[in-house]
C-alpha cells in the first residue's frame, strides 16, 4: 500500500522538486500556539512535517531544540496531549505526511505495542528515534510495522557499509541522512564537503529516499542537499530559533509569544524561501 510519503516523493519527482520538511516541537510554547505555528509552516509551503514530542533528556539535540523541549515541558505538555495535537493536525491536513521525532525511553515507558498503536491512531505516518541506532532497532521496526507506522532510521556520516545497508533495509517512508557529525542545530552548519558522495554512497544500498538533516538553516543548504541527490531537506533549529525570539524569557514558567502575527509571518516567509530552494 502506498504511503503519504510515496505519494509526496512521486509528485515532487514529477515536478522536478525536492521536499522541504520543517521540524517543530509540539507544545512549544503551548499547545494552542503550537497549532498556529504549524499552520503557518503549512501555509508557507511545507511538503511534510517533522514534529517533536517533548522529552527531559534530548541527547541528540543542540541547545536551540533543547530549549524548545524545556518550553513545552514547562507548559505541562504530556505525550498524550502531544498526540492529541497530532490528531488535530491530521484532521486539518488529511494528505500531509507527518513524522514524529521522539526519544526511545518514551516508547519503552509506554510499551512499544501501545506506543506505536497510539501513534497510528493519532494519524502520524512515521517515527524517528534519534537515540536508537539501526543495530538496536529491530523490535521498534517490528512494532511499527505491526501498527502500520513507518520507522525511520538515521544514516550517520562516515557510517560503515553494514550500518548503511541496515538503514536502507529497515527504514520506511524516508531515510534521515545526517550531513555532519554532532547534534542538531543551526549553530553548526550543514557540511557540503563530499555531500554528493555521502548521498551516492547511501543510495548504493537502495531503500526509500533520503532526506538530509542537521544544520540545514538556509536556502543554500537546501539547494545543496537537493543538488547532491537527496530527496529534500529537514530544518529544525532555524524554525525553533524564530519561535524562541518571540517567546518571553521566564525559565521554569510558561512562556508566551509576544506577537503571534509577526511570528507567523516570519515562519511563512522562511518556509517559502526554503521551499523555493528545492526547485531544480
Foldseek 3Di string as FASTA:
>chain_A
DDALLNVLLVVCVVLQFFAEEEEDEQQVQHNVLSLLLVVLLVLLPHQAYEYEYADQCPPQADPLVNVRSQNRVLNVDDPVNSLLSLLVVCVVPVSHAYEYEYAPVVCVVCPVLVVLLSNVVSPHAEYEHAVAALVRCVVNLVSNVVNNHFYEHEDEPPDDPVRLLSRQVRGPSEYEYEQHDGHADLVDARDLVCLLVSLVSSCVNPHHFYEYEGNPAALVSQLSNVVSPGSTYYHYSNLSVLSVVQWDDDRSHRIDGNDSVVSSVVSSVRSNSNRVSRRD
